Amino acid sequence: MKATEAAERAVEQLATLSGRTAEAVTGIHRTDDGWRVRVEVLELERIPRSTDLLAEYAVDLDEDGDLTGYRRVRRYTRGASRED
């Protein structure tokens, strides 16, 4: 499976489980068991948009692209500066 396909599968499966829409894929890398994809999700929409609450999830997929687990790794406002 290519990275682009893994990213698409992660976004689809996370949306199905969480009911939230992905804003972006922020990272992806191969693991021994498949893929780990970092997905940014809108958790709470506010006005103005710069105060929206976003979250980043780590989504684990197996070699076939099936979700094996996910977890929220951070929450932040859209306008917050971030250091990785």
PDB file of N, CA and C in Angstrom:
ATOM      1  N   MET A   1       0.838  -1.173   0.000  1.00  0.00           N
ATOM      2  CA  MET A   1       0.000   0.000   0.000  1.00  0.00           C
ATOM      3  C   MET A   1       0.890   1.245   0.000  1.00  0.00           C
ATOM      4  N   LYS A   2       0.542   2.215  -0.822  1.00  0.00           N
ATOM      5  CA  LYS A   2       1.290   3.465  -0.895  1.00  0.00           C
ATOM      6  C   LYS A   2       0.864   4.402   0.224  1.00  0.00           C
ATOM      7  N   ALA A   3       1.711   5.376   0.528  1.00  0.00           N
ATOM      8  CA  ALA A   3       1.435   6.333   1.600  1.00  0.00           C
ATOM      9  C   ALA A   3       0.145   7.108   1.339  1.00  0.00           C
ATOM     10  N   THR A   4      -0.094   7.497   0.098  1.00  0.00           N
ATOM     11  CA  THR A   4      -1.310   8.259  -0.206  1.00  0.00           C
ATOM     12  C   THR A   4      -2.565   7.445   0.082  1.00  0.00           C
ATOM     13  N   GLU A   5      -2.527   6.172  -0.236  1.00  0.00           N
ATOM     14  CA  GLU A   5      -3.671   5.301   0.038  1.00  0.00           C
ATOM     15  C   GLU A   5      -3.851   5.102   1.541  1.00  0.00           C
ATOM     16  N   ALA A   6      -2.758   4.942   2.265  1.00  0.00           N
ATOM     17  CA  ALA A   6      -2.833   4.795   3.723  1.00  0.00           C
ATOM     18  C   ALA A   6      -3.429   6.049   4.354  1.00  0.00           C
ATOM     19  N   ALA A   7      -3.026   7.217   3.879  1.00  0.00           N
ATOM     20  CA  ALA A   7      -3.559   8.475   4.411  1.00  0.00           C
ATOM     21  C   ALA A   7      -5.059   8.569   4.171  1.00  0.00           C
ATOM     22  N   GLU A   8      -5.498   8.232   2.971  1.00  0.00           N
ATOM     23  CA  GLU A   8      -6.929   8.264   2.656  1.00  0.00           C
ATOM     24  C   GLU A   8      -7.716   7.309   3.538  1.00  0.00           C
ATOM     25  N   ARG A   9      -7.201   6.104   3.725  1.00  0.00           N
ATOM     26  CA  ARG A   9      -7.882   5.113   4.566  1.00  0.00           C
ATOM     27  C   ARG A   9      -7.970   5.589   6.015  1.00  0.00           C
ATOM     28  N   ALA A  10      -6.888   6.196   6.520  1.00  0.00           N
ATOM     29  CA  ALA A  10      -6.878   6.697   7.897  1.00  0.00           C
ATOM     30  C   ALA A  10      -7.933   7.779   8.083  1.00  0.00           C
ATOM     31  N   VAL A  11      -8.004   8.718   7.143  1.00  0.00           N
ATOM     32  CA  VAL A  11      -8.981   9.809   7.223  1.00  0.00           C
ATOM     33  C   VAL A  11     -10.402   9.248   7.203  1.00  0.00           C
ATOM     34  N   GLU A  12     -10.683   8.330   6.288  1.00  0.00           N
ATOM     35  CA  GLU A  12     -12.020   7.742   6.170  1.00  0.00           C
ATOM     36  C   GLU A  12     -12.429   7.004   7.442  1.00  0.00           C
ATOM     37  N   GLN A  13     -11.533   6.160   7.953  1.00  0.00           N
ATOM     38  CA  GLN A  13     -11.881   5.339   9.106  1.00  0.00           C
ATOM     39  C   GLN A  13     -11.986   6.166  10.385  1.00  0.00           C
ATOM     40  N   LEU A  14     -11.135   7.182  10.539  1.00  0.00           N
ATOM     41  CA  LEU A  14     -11.239   8.060  11.707  1.00  0.00           C
ATOM     42  C   LEU A  14     -12.554   8.827  11.670  1.00  0.00           C
ATOM     43  N   ALA A  15     -12.954   9.316  10.501  1.00  0.00           N
ATOM     44  CA  ALA A  15     -14.225  10.035  10.368  1.00  0.00           C
ATOM     45  C   ALA A  15     -15.401   9.130  10.724  1.00  0.00           C
ATOM     46  N   THR A  16     -15.355   7.884  10.291  1.00  0.00           N
ATOM     47  CA  THR A  16     -16.426   6.938  10.594  1.00  0.00           C
ATOM     48  C   THR A  16     -16.546   6.703  12.095  1.00  0.00           C
ATOM     49  N   LEU A  17     -15.424   6.526  12.767  1.00  0.00           N
ATOM     50  CA  LEU A  17     -15.453   6.239  14.207  1.00  0.00           C
ATOM     51  C   LEU A  17     -15.738   7.466  15.058  1.00  0.00           C
ATOM     52  N   SER A  18     -15.186   8.610  14.687  1.00  0.00           N
ATOM     53  CA  SER A  18     -15.295   9.802  15.531  1.00  0.00           C
ATOM     54  C   SER A  18     -16.454  10.710  15.148  1.00  0.00           C
ATOM     55  N   GLY A  19     -16.920  10.603  13.903  1.00  0.00           N
ATOM     56  CA  GLY A  19     -17.977  11.492  13.441  1.00  0.00           C
ATOM     57  C   GLY A  19     -17.482  12.893  13.133  1.00  0.00           C
ATOM     58  N   ARG A  20     -16.173  13.078  13.084  1.00  0.00           N
ATOM     59  CA  ARG A  20     -15.586  14.387  12.822  1.00  0.00           C
ATOM     60  C   ARG A  20     -14.891  14.402  11.460  1.00  0.00           C
ATOM     61  N   THR A  21     -14.776  15.602  10.909  1.00  0.00           N
ATOM     62  CA  THR A  21     -14.167  15.775   9.594  1.00  0.00           C
ATOM     63  C   THR A  21     -12.696  16.137   9.724  1.00  0.00           C
ATOM     64  N   ALA A  22     -11.874  15.504   8.925  1.00  0.00           N
ATOM     65  CA  ALA A  22     -10.437  15.801   8.933  1.00  0.00           C
ATOM     66  C   ALA A  22     -10.177  17.125   8.231  1.00  0.00           C
ATOM     67  N   GLU A  23      -9.275  17.906   8.809  1.00  0.00           N
ATOM     68  CA  GLU A  23      -8.808  19.145   8.185  1.00  0.00           C
ATOM     69  C   GLU A  23      -7.600  18.865   7.303  1.00  0.00           C
ATOM     70  N   ALA A  24      -6.708  17.984   7.773  1.00  0.00           N
ATOM     71  CA  ALA A  24      -5.470  17.720   7.033  1.00  0.00           C
ATOM     72  C   ALA A  24      -4.784  16.478   7.579  1.00  0.00           C
ATOM     73  N   VAL A  25      -3.967  15.877   6.737  1.00  0.00           N
ATOM     74  CA  VAL A  25      -3.020  14.853   7.178  1.00  0.00           C
ATOM     75  C   VAL A  25      -1.729  15.599   7.468  1.00  0.00           C
ATOM     76  N   THR A  26      -1.253  15.507   8.710  1.00  0.00           N
ATOM     77  CA  THR A  26      -0.075  16.288   9.109  1.00  0.00           C
ATOM     78  C   THR A  26       1.200  15.461   9.155  1.00  0.00           C
ATOM     79  N   GLY A  27       1.082  14.150   9.011  1.00  0.00           N
ATOM     80  CA  GLY A  27       2.271  13.306   8.997  1.00  0.00           C
ATOM     81  C   GLY A  27       1.909  11.866   8.706  1.00  0.00           C
ATOM     82  N   ILE A  28       2.880  11.143   8.168  1.00  0.00           N
ATOM     83  CA  ILE A  28       2.669   9.723   7.890  1.00  0.00           C
ATOM     84  C   ILE A  28       4.030   9.035   7.853  1.00  0.00           C
ATOM     85  N   HIS A  29       4.088   7.857   8.457  1.00  0.00           N
ATOM     86  CA  HIS A  29       5.314   7.062   8.332  1.00  0.00           C
ATOM     87  C   HIS A  29       4.988   5.575   8.478  1.00  0.00           C
ATOM     88  N   ARG A  30       5.832   4.779   7.866  1.00  0.00           N
ATOM     89  CA  ARG A  30       5.698   3.326   7.942  1.00  0.00           C
ATOM     90  C   ARG A  30       6.138   2.845   9.309  1.00  0.00           C
ATOM     91  N   THR A  31       5.456   1.818   9.791  1.00  0.00           N
ATOM     92  CA  THR A  31       5.838   1.150  11.032  1.00  0.00           C
ATOM     93  C   THR A  31       6.119  -0.313  10.701  1.00  0.00           C
ATOM     94  N   ASP A  32       6.538  -1.075  11.690  1.00  0.00           N
ATOM     95  CA  ASP A  32       6.775  -2.505  11.476  1.00  0.00           C
ATOM     96  C   ASP A  32       5.492  -3.242  11.086  1.00  0.00           C
ATOM     97  N   ASP A  33       4.338  -2.728  11.571  1.00  0.00           N
ATOM     98  CA  ASP A  33       3.054  -3.396  11.351  1.00  0.00           C
ATOM     99  C   ASP A  33       2.206  -2.777  10.252  1.00  0.00           C
ATOM    100  N   GLY A  34       2.606  -1.622   9.723  1.00  0.00           N
ATOM    101  CA  GLY A  34       1.787  -0.950   8.715  1.00  0.00           C
ATOM    102  C   GLY A  34       2.126   0.523   8.603  1.00  0.00           C
ATOM    103  N   TRP A  35       1.193   1.374   9.065  1.00  0.00           N
ATOM    104  CA  TRP A  35       1.355   2.824   8.942  1.00  0.00           C
ATOM    105  C   TRP A  35       0.876   3.536  10.198  1.00  0.00           C
ATOM    106  N   ARG A  36       1.482   4.674  10.502  1.00  0.00           N
ATOM    107  CA  ARG A  36       0.958   5.608  11.498  1.00  0.00           C
ATOM    108  C   ARG A  36       0.737   6.928  10.777  1.00  0.00           C
ATOM    109  N   VAL A  37      -0.494   7.409  10.854  1.00  0.00           N
ATOM    110  CA  VAL A  37      -0.893   8.629  10.165  1.00  0.00           C
ATOM    111  C   VAL A  37      -1.348   9.642  11.210  1.00  0.00           C
ATOM    112  N   ARG A  38      -0.855  10.882  11.104  1.00  0.00           N
ATOM    113  CA  ARG A  38      -1.292  11.970  11.990  1.00  0.00           C
ATOM    114  C   ARG A  38      -2.337  12.778  11.232  1.00  0.00           C
ATOM    115  N   VAL A  39      -3.507  12.935  11.849  1.00  0.00           N
ATOM    116  CA  VAL A  39      -4.632  13.599  11.197  1.00  0.00           C
ATOM    117  C   VAL A  39      -5.125  14.740  12.081  1.00  0.00           C
ATOM    118  N   GLU A  40      -5.268  15.922  11.485  1.00  0.00           N
ATOM    119  CA  GLU A  40      -5.803  17.089  12.188  1.00  0.00           C
ATOM    120  C   GLU A  40      -7.314  17.131  11.956  1.00  0.00           C
ATOM    121  N   VAL A  41      -8.074  17.299  13.052  1.00  0.00           N
ATOM    122  CA  VAL A  41      -9.529  17.228  13.014  1.00  0.00           C
ATOM    123  C   VAL A  41     -10.116  18.468  13.678  1.00  0.00           C
ATOM    124  N   LEU A  42     -11.197  18.996  13.102  1.00  0.00           N
ATOM    125  CA  LEU A  42     -11.944  20.092  13.719  1.00  0.00           C
ATOM    126  C   LEU A  42     -12.854  19.493  14.783  1.00  0.00           C
ATOM    127  N   GLU A  43     -12.621  19.849  16.052  1.00  0.00           N
ATOM    128  CA  GLU A  43     -13.435  19.298  17.136  1.00  0.00           C
ATOM    129  C   GLU A  43     -14.553  20.235  17.568  1.00  0.00           C
ATOM    130  N   LEU A  44     -14.327  21.550  17.477  1.00  0.00           N
ATOM    131  CA  LEU A  44     -15.345  22.514  17.886  1.00  0.00           C
ATOM    132  C   LEU A  44     -15.206  23.765  17.036  1.00  0.00           C
ATOM    133  N   GLU A  45     -16.248  24.055  16.264  1.00  0.00           N
ATOM    134  CA  GLU A  45     -16.224  25.229  15.394  1.00  0.00           C
ATOM    135  C   GLU A  45     -16.694  26.445  16.179  1.00  0.00           C
ATOM    136  N   ARG A  46     -15.938  27.533  16.068  1.00  0.00           N
ATOM    137  CA  ARG A  46     -16.256  28.769  16.785  1.00  0.00           C
ATOM    138  C   ARG A  46     -16.179  29.952  15.823  1.00  0.00           C
ATOM    139  N   ILE A  47     -16.684  31.081  16.287  1.00  0.00           N
ATOM    140  CA  ILE A  47     -16.555  32.336  15.547  1.00  0.00           C
ATOM    141  C   ILE A  47     -15.786  33.284  16.446  1.00  0.00           C
ATOM    142  N   PRO A  48     -14.701  33.860  15.983  1.00  0.00           N
ATOM    143  CA  PRO A  48     -14.080  33.717  14.668  1.00  0.00           C
ATOM    144  C   PRO A  48     -13.370  32.366  14.540  1.00  0.00           C
ATOM    145  N   ARG A  49     -13.093  31.987  13.282  1.00  0.00           N
ATOM    146  CA  ARG A  49     -12.472  30.683  13.000  1.00  0.00           C
ATOM    147  C   ARG A  49     -11.126  30.511  13.690  1.00  0.00           C
ATOM    148  N   SER A  50     -10.439  31.599  13.962  1.00  0.00           N
ATOM    149  CA  SER A  50      -9.118  31.494  14.601  1.00  0.00           C
ATOM    150  C   SER A  50      -9.203  30.912  16.003  1.00  0.00           C
ATOM    151  N   THR A  51     -10.418  30.815  16.547  1.00  0.00           N
ATOM    152  CA  THR A  51     -10.596  30.231  17.880  1.00  0.00           C
ATOM    153  C   THR A  51     -11.185  28.817  17.832  1.00  0.00           C
ATOM    154  N   ASP A  52     -11.342  28.245  16.623  1.00  0.00           N
ATOM    155  CA  ASP A  52     -11.793  26.849  16.496  1.00  0.00           C
ATOM    156  C   ASP A  52     -10.899  25.940  17.332  1.00  0.00           C
ATOM    157  N   LEU A  53     -11.480  24.885  17.868  1.00  0.00           N
ATOM    158  CA  LEU A  53     -10.710  23.896  18.613  1.00  0.00           C
ATOM    159  C   LEU A  53     -10.379  22.730  17.683  1.00  0.00           C
ATOM    160  N   LEU A  54      -9.087  22.486  17.486  1.00  0.00           N
ATOM    161  CA  LEU A  54      -8.599  21.405  16.636  1.00  0.00           C
ATOM    162  C   LEU A  54      -7.935  20.336  17.496  1.00  0.00           C
ATOM    163  N   ALA A  55      -7.806  19.155  16.940  1.00  0.00           N
ATOM    164  CA  ALA A  55      -7.090  18.072  17.616  1.00  0.00           C
ATOM    165  C   ALA A  55      -6.282  17.315  16.579  1.00  0.00           C
ATOM    166  N   GLU A  56      -5.184  16.747  17.036  1.00  0.00           N
ATOM    167  CA  GLU A  56      -4.375  15.898  16.173  1.00  0.00           C
ATOM    168  C   GLU A  56      -4.456  14.472  16.703  1.00  0.00           C
ATOM    169  N   TYR A  57      -4.759  13.549  15.811  1.00  0.00           N
ATOM    170  CA  TYR A  57      -4.887  12.142  16.156  1.00  0.00           C
ATOM    171  C   TYR A  57      -3.780  11.334  15.493  1.00  0.00           C
ATOM    172  N   ALA A  58      -3.287  10.330  16.201  1.00  0.00           N
ATOM    173  CA  ALA A  58      -2.381   9.334  15.632  1.00  0.00           C
ATOM    174  C   ALA A  58      -3.238   8.117  15.298  1.00  0.00           C
ATOM    175  N   VAL A  59      -3.259   7.754  14.030  1.00  0.00           N
ATOM    176  CA  VAL A  59      -4.086   6.650  13.551  1.00  0.00           C
ATOM    177  C   VAL A  59      -3.159   5.535  13.075  1.00  0.00           C
ATOM    178  N   ASP A  60      -3.324   4.343  13.626  1.00  0.00           N
ATOM    179  CA  ASP A  60      -2.502   3.194  13.242  1.00  0.00           C
ATOM    180  C   ASP A  60      -3.284   2.277  12.310  1.00  0.00           C
ATOM    181  N   LEU A  61      -2.639   1.917  11.196  1.00  0.00           N
ATOM    182  CA  LEU A  61      -3.223   1.007  10.217  1.00  0.00           C
ATOM    183  C   LEU A  61      -2.324  -0.211  10.061  1.00  0.00           C
ATOM    184  N   ASP A  62      -2.940  -1.362   9.774  1.00  0.00           N
ATOM    185  CA  ASP A  62      -2.128  -2.544   9.476  1.00  0.00           C
ATOM    186  C   ASP A  62      -1.711  -2.518   8.004  1.00  0.00           C
ATOM    187  N   GLU A  63      -1.031  -3.559   7.559  1.00  0.00           N
ATOM    188  CA  GLU A  63      -0.528  -3.626   6.177  1.00  0.00           C
ATOM    189  C   GLU A  63      -1.638  -3.548   5.133  1.00  0.00           C
ATOM    190  N   ASP A  64      -2.852  -3.983   5.505  1.00  0.00           N
ATOM    191  CA  ASP A  64      -3.981  -3.963   4.576  1.00  0.00           C
ATOM    192  C   ASP A  64      -4.734  -2.637   4.587  1.00  0.00           C
ATOM    193  N   GLY A  65      -4.327  -1.716   5.469  1.00  0.00           N
ATOM    194  CA  GLY A  65      -4.993  -0.423   5.560  1.00  0.00           C
ATOM    195  C   GLY A  65      -6.164  -0.397   6.512  1.00  0.00           C
ATOM    196  N   ASP A  66      -6.310  -1.441   7.320  1.00  0.00           N
ATOM    197  CA  ASP A  66      -7.390  -1.478   8.305  1.00  0.00           C
ATOM    198  C   ASP A  66      -6.923  -0.833   9.601  1.00  0.00           C
ATOM    199  N   LEU A  67      -7.801  -0.040  10.198  1.00  0.00           N
ATOM    200  CA  LEU A  67      -7.473   0.662  11.435  1.00  0.00           C
ATOM    201  C   LEU A  67      -7.275  -0.330  12.575  1.00  0.00           C
ATOM    202  N   THR A  68      -6.173  -0.195  13.286  1.00  0.00           N
ATOM    203  CA  THR A  68      -5.905  -1.049  14.447  1.00  0.00           C
ATOM    204  C   THR A  68      -5.964  -0.258  15.743  1.00  0.00           C
ATOM    205  N   GLY A  69      -5.976   1.071  15.648  1.00  0.00           N
ATOM    206  CA  GLY A  69      -6.087   1.906  16.830  1.00  0.00           C
ATOM    207  C   GLY A  69      -5.915   3.372  16.478  1.00  0.00           C
ATOM    208  N   TYR A  70      -6.414   4.223  17.373  1.00  0.00           N
ATOM    209  CA  TYR A  70      -6.191   5.661  17.215  1.00  0.00           C
ATOM    210  C   TYR A  70      -6.247   6.317  18.577  1.00  0.00           C
ATOM    211  N   ARG A  71      -5.602   7.480  18.679  1.00  0.00           N
ATOM    212  CA  ARG A  71      -5.658   8.233  19.932  1.00  0.00           C
ATOM    213  C   ARG A  71      -5.417   9.706  19.641  1.00  0.00           C
ATOM    214  N   ARG A  72      -6.037  10.546  20.462  1.00  0.00           N
ATOM    215  CA  ARG A  72      -5.815  11.987  20.332  1.00  0.00           C
ATOM    216  C   ARG A  72      -4.501  12.312  21.014  1.00  0.00           C
ATOM    217  N   VAL A  73      -3.618  13.004  20.311  1.00  0.00           N
ATOM    218  CA  VAL A  73      -2.309  13.327  20.874  1.00  0.00           C
ATOM    219  C   VAL A  73      -2.208  14.773  21.334  1.00  0.00           C
ATOM    220  N   ARG A  74      -3.077  15.647  20.817  1.00  0.00           N
ATOM    221  CA  ARG A  74      -3.086  17.023  21.312  1.00  0.00           C
ATOM    222  C   ARG A  74      -4.336  17.750  20.862  1.00  0.00           C
ATOM    223  N   ARG A  75      -4.721  18.780  21.656  1.00  0.00           N
ATOM    224  CA  ARG A  75      -5.816  19.691  21.313  1.00  0.00           C
ATOM    225  C   ARG A  75      -5.279  21.102  21.383  1.00  0.00           C
ATOM    226  N   TYR A  76      -5.782  21.970  20.519  1.00  0.00           N
ATOM    227  CA  TYR A  76      -5.286  23.344  20.465  1.00  0.00           C
ATOM    228  C   TYR A  76      -6.264  24.209  19.682  1.00  0.00           C
ATOM    229  N   THR A  77      -6.169  25.520  19.878  1.00  0.00           N
ATOM    230  CA  THR A  77      -6.979  26.433  19.083  1.00  0.00           C
ATOM    231  C   THR A  77      -6.292  26.685  17.752  1.00  0.00           C
ATOM    232  N   ARG A  78      -7.085  26.942  16.741  1.00  0.00           N
ATOM    233  CA  ARG A  78      -6.559  27.123  15.391  1.00  0.00           C
ATOM    234  C   ARG A  78      -5.501  28.220  15.351  1.00  0.00           C
ATOM    235  N   GLY A  79      -5.680  29.282  16.099  1.00  0.00           N
ATOM    236  CA  GLY A  79      -4.747  30.402  16.058  1.00  0.00           C
ATOM    237  C   GLY A  79      -3.503  30.225  16.910  1.00  0.00           C
ATOM    238  N   ALA A  80      -3.407  29.132  17.654  1.00  0.00           N
ATOM    239  CA  ALA A  80      -2.254  28.935  18.549  1.00  0.00           C
ATOM    240  C   ALA A  80      -1.001  28.602  17.753  1.00  0.00           C
ATOM    241  N   SER A  81       0.112  29.191  18.167  1.00  0.00           N
ATOM    242  CA  SER A  81       1.375  28.803  17.537  1.00  0.00           C
ATOM    243  C   SER A  81       1.750  27.434  18.065  1.00  0.00           C
ATOM    244  N   ARG A  82       2.489  26.696  17.259  1.00  0.00           N
ATOM    245  CA  ARG A  82       2.821  25.343  17.697  1.00  0.00           C
ATOM    246  C   ARG A  82       4.266  25.033  17.399  1.00  0.00           C
ATOM    247  N   GLU A  83       4.866  24.349  18.351  1.00  0.00           N
ATOM    248  CA  GLU A  83       6.243  23.907  18.188  1.00  0.00           C
ATOM    249  C   GLU A  83       6.265  22.398  18.260  1.00  0.00           C
ATOM    250  N   ASP A  84       6.896  21.755  17.272  1.00  0.00           N
ATOM    251  CA  ASP A  84       6.974  20.281  17.257  1.00  0.00           C
ATOM    252  C   ASP A  84       8.303  19.811  17.749  1.00  0.00           C
TER     253      ASP A  84
END
